[in-house]
N, C-alpha and C. Protein backbone atom coordinates (compact mmCIF):
# COMPACT_ATOMS: atom_id res chain seq x y z
N MET A 1 120.69 143.44 122.65
CA MET A 1 119.26 143.29 123.08
C MET A 1 119.29 142.25 122.42
N ASN A 2 118.80 141.40 123.55
CA ASN A 2 118.65 139.91 123.78
C ASN A 2 117.93 139.60 122.63
N SER A 3 118.59 138.99 121.46
CA SER A 3 117.41 138.02 120.38
C SER A 3 116.45 136.75 120.76
N THR A 4 115.96 136.51 121.80
CA THR A 4 115.30 136.15 121.60
C THR A 4 113.50 136.84 122.20
N LEU A 5 114.25 138.45 122.19
CA LEU A 5 113.29 138.55 121.89
C LEU A 5 112.26 139.68 121.21
N LEU A 6 113.43 139.67 119.52
CA LEU A 6 113.04 139.85 119.04
C LEU A 6 111.67 138.52 117.80
N PRO A 7 111.32 139.13 116.99
CA PRO A 7 110.31 138.01 116.30
C PRO A 7 111.18 137.47 115.63
N ALA A 8 110.76 136.60 115.26
CA ALA A 8 112.57 134.80 114.16
C ALA A 8 112.55 136.08 113.05
N ALA A 9 111.20 136.76 112.68
CA ALA A 9 111.27 136.62 111.82
C ALA A 9 112.20 137.93 111.55
N LEU A 10 113.17 138.44 112.28
CA LEU A 10 114.18 138.81 112.29
C LEU A 10 115.33 139.06 113.07
N ARG A 11 115.40 137.67 113.97
CA ARG A 11 117.19 136.16 114.36
C ARG A 11 117.27 136.40 113.07
N ARG A 12 118.51 136.34 113.48
CA ARG A 12 119.87 135.85 112.23
C ARG A 12 120.29 134.49 112.34
N PRO A 13 119.32 133.59 111.21
CA PRO A 13 119.72 132.40 111.15
C PRO A 13 120.89 131.59 112.70
N GLU A 14 120.71 130.79 113.17
CA GLU A 14 122.15 130.82 113.41
C GLU A 14 122.67 129.84 113.50
N LYS A 15 124.01 130.15 113.50
CA LYS A 15 125.06 129.39 112.80
C LYS A 15 124.38 127.89 112.53
N THR A 16 124.80 127.47 111.01
CA THR A 16 125.47 126.46 111.24
C THR A 16 126.88 125.12 110.92
N GLU A 17 127.46 124.85 112.53
CA GLU A 17 129.07 123.93 111.71
C GLU A 17 128.22 122.98 111.39
N THR A 18 129.66 123.74 110.23
CA THR A 18 129.92 122.51 108.48
C THR A 18 130.72 121.02 109.31
N PRO A 19 128.76 119.74 108.73
CA PRO A 19 130.76 119.43 110.09
C PRO A 19 131.48 118.25 108.74
N ARG A 20 132.83 117.76 109.79
CA ARG A 20 134.04 117.71 109.32
C ARG A 20 134.25 116.32 108.05
N LEU A 21 134.42 116.30 107.17
CA LEU A 21 134.38 115.10 105.87
C LEU A 21 135.57 114.42 106.06
N LEU A 22 137.11 115.68 106.35
CA LEU A 22 138.12 114.21 106.62
C LEU A 22 138.49 114.58 107.91
N LEU A 23 139.12 113.89 108.95
CA LEU A 23 139.40 113.58 110.19
C LEU A 23 141.05 113.52 110.54
N SER A 24 142.34 115.39 111.11
CA SER A 24 143.11 115.35 110.69
C SER A 24 143.55 113.34 112.26
N ARG A 25 145.23 113.11 111.60
CA ARG A 25 145.27 112.15 113.04
C ARG A 25 144.84 112.51 113.75
N ASP A 26 145.37 113.30 114.88
CA ASP A 26 144.82 113.10 116.09
C ASP A 26 143.68 113.58 116.41
N GLU A 27 142.11 113.86 115.75
CA GLU A 27 140.75 113.62 115.21
C GLU A 27 140.89 111.99 115.23
N ALA A 28 140.91 110.93 114.72
CA ALA A 28 141.06 110.09 113.69
C ALA A 28 140.90 109.45 114.82
N ALA A 29 141.87 109.58 115.84
CA ALA A 29 143.59 108.34 116.96
C ALA A 29 142.66 108.70 118.49
N SER A 30 141.87 110.35 118.68
CA SER A 30 140.81 110.31 119.16
C SER A 30 139.20 109.73 119.43
N ALA A 31 138.85 109.35 117.89
CA ALA A 31 137.22 109.33 117.70
C ALA A 31 137.33 107.61 118.14
N LEU A 32 139.16 107.76 117.91
CA LEU A 32 138.82 105.37 118.03
C LEU A 32 139.17 105.29 119.24
N GLY A 33 139.94 106.42 119.93
CA GLY A 33 139.52 105.83 121.06
C GLY A 33 141.17 105.08 121.82
N VAL A 34 142.35 105.50 120.50
CA VAL A 34 143.76 104.95 120.30
C VAL A 34 144.71 105.79 119.84
N SER A 35 146.31 105.54 120.63
CA SER A 35 146.36 107.09 120.95
C SER A 35 147.27 107.27 118.76
N VAL A 36 147.42 108.19 118.38
CA VAL A 36 147.82 108.63 117.73
C VAL A 36 149.35 107.41 116.88
N ARG A 37 150.41 106.83 117.80
CA ARG A 37 150.82 105.53 117.09
C ARG A 37 150.70 104.78 116.89
N MET A 38 149.46 104.47 117.37
CA MET A 38 148.46 103.10 117.35
C MET A 38 148.04 103.59 116.36
N LEU A 39 147.29 104.47 115.94
CA LEU A 39 146.44 104.68 114.22
C LEU A 39 147.42 104.39 113.57
N ASP A 40 148.47 105.09 113.86
CA ASP A 40 150.23 105.03 112.62
C ASP A 40 149.98 103.27 112.40
N LEU A 41 150.44 102.62 113.55
CA LEU A 41 150.11 101.08 113.09
C LEU A 41 149.16 100.44 112.14
N LEU A 42 147.87 101.14 112.24
CA LEU A 42 146.18 100.44 111.84
C LEU A 42 146.33 100.91 110.17
N THR A 43 147.77 101.75 109.67
CA THR A 43 147.21 102.35 108.84
C THR A 43 148.53 101.81 107.41
N GLU A 44 147.98 101.99 106.76
CA GLU A 44 148.46 101.07 105.68
C GLU A 44 149.90 102.34 104.97
N PRO A 45 150.88 101.12 104.95
CA PRO A 45 150.74 99.89 104.18
C PRO A 45 150.79 98.65 105.28
N ALA A 46 151.17 98.89 106.39
CA ALA A 46 151.06 98.22 108.27
C ALA A 46 149.78 97.27 108.32
N GLY A 47 148.86 97.96 108.48
CA GLY A 47 147.59 98.03 108.85
C GLY A 47 146.40 98.02 107.29
N THR A 48 145.43 97.92 107.79
CA THR A 48 144.17 98.07 106.64
C THR A 48 143.49 99.62 106.91
N LEU A 49 143.39 100.44 107.67
CA LEU A 49 143.09 101.87 107.34
C LEU A 49 143.36 102.56 106.53
N LYS A 50 142.98 102.45 105.94
CA LYS A 50 143.02 103.98 104.81
C LYS A 50 143.07 104.58 104.70
N PRO A 51 144.37 105.41 104.68
CA PRO A 51 143.79 107.10 104.29
C PRO A 51 144.32 108.26 103.25
N ILE A 52 143.33 109.14 103.97
CA ILE A 52 143.51 109.57 102.44
C ILE A 52 144.84 110.75 102.65
N ARG A 53 145.39 111.03 101.49
CA ARG A 53 146.26 112.08 101.63
C ARG A 53 146.48 113.30 100.15
N ILE A 54 146.11 114.31 100.68
CA ILE A 54 147.22 115.16 100.63
C ILE A 54 147.96 116.40 100.76
N GLY A 55 148.82 116.14 100.00
CA GLY A 55 149.97 116.68 100.10
C GLY A 55 150.64 115.82 100.82
N ARG A 56 151.86 116.45 101.89
CA ARG A 56 152.04 115.71 103.37
C ARG A 56 150.59 115.47 104.26
N ARG A 57 149.45 115.79 104.84
CA ARG A 57 148.85 115.37 105.61
C ARG A 57 148.64 114.49 105.34
N VAL A 58 148.13 113.21 105.69
CA VAL A 58 147.05 112.66 107.12
C VAL A 58 145.65 112.02 106.72
N LEU A 59 145.15 112.24 106.19
CA LEU A 59 143.52 112.67 107.01
C LEU A 59 142.98 111.28 106.68
N PHE A 60 141.25 111.54 106.91
CA PHE A 60 140.72 110.03 107.42
C PHE A 60 138.58 110.23 106.73
N SER A 61 138.98 109.59 106.49
CA SER A 61 136.91 110.02 106.65
C SER A 61 136.59 109.26 107.65
N PRO A 62 135.66 109.66 107.89
CA PRO A 62 135.17 109.31 109.22
C PRO A 62 134.10 107.61 108.20
N ALA A 63 133.47 108.45 107.43
CA ALA A 63 133.04 106.69 106.45
C ALA A 63 133.81 105.32 106.21
N GLU A 64 135.18 106.01 106.25
CA GLU A 64 136.56 104.63 105.95
C GLU A 64 136.47 104.11 107.98
N LEU A 65 136.37 104.97 108.41
CA LEU A 65 137.34 104.44 109.53
C LEU A 65 136.07 104.38 110.66
N GLN A 66 134.52 104.45 110.30
CA GLN A 66 133.49 102.29 110.40
C GLN A 66 133.22 102.05 109.57
N ARG A 67 134.15 101.71 108.19
CA ARG A 67 134.62 100.53 107.82
C ARG A 67 134.99 100.46 107.92
N TRP A 68 136.43 100.76 108.83
CA TRP A 68 137.31 99.73 109.03
C TRP A 68 136.81 98.92 111.01
N ILE A 69 136.04 100.11 111.57
CA ILE A 69 135.87 99.52 112.39
C ILE A 69 134.95 98.06 112.16
N ASP A 70 133.36 98.07 111.35
CA ASP A 70 133.01 97.23 111.07
C ASP A 70 134.04 95.33 110.32
N ALA A 71 135.24 95.83 109.78
CA ALA A 71 135.70 94.36 109.10
C ALA A 71 136.19 94.12 110.72
N GLU A 72 137.08 95.02 111.64
CA GLU A 72 137.66 94.08 112.11
C GLU A 72 135.99 93.74 113.49
N THR A 73 135.50 94.21 114.08
CA THR A 73 134.78 93.74 114.38
C THR A 73 133.93 92.75 114.01
N LYS A 74 133.50 92.00 112.51
CA LYS A 74 133.46 90.96 112.03
C LYS A 74 134.32 90.31 112.75
N ALA A 75 135.32 90.87 112.34
CA ALA A 75 136.70 89.40 112.28
C ALA A 75 137.02 89.06 114.13
N ILE A 76 136.07 89.02 114.80
CA ILE A 76 136.45 88.62 115.95
C ILE A 76 135.28 87.69 117.15
N PRO A 77 136.13 86.66 116.96
CA PRO A 77 134.72 84.92 116.20
C PRO A 77 133.66 85.11 117.98
């Protein structure tokens, strides 16, 4: 049965996707528009981008990515 024909009180609530709090290396690189290798070069200790390490996983907070972008754009004369 088509759920749009049901009254609102009888419809299932739409599933809302939980926002990602941490991004994988692949996701972070994609968000920045760079390769994973370039992301690794930008990451501490060689670079200034600070990852979060959980076990062997290297993750990035979207807020950290934005902080890094802001800092890099201010450095451009």
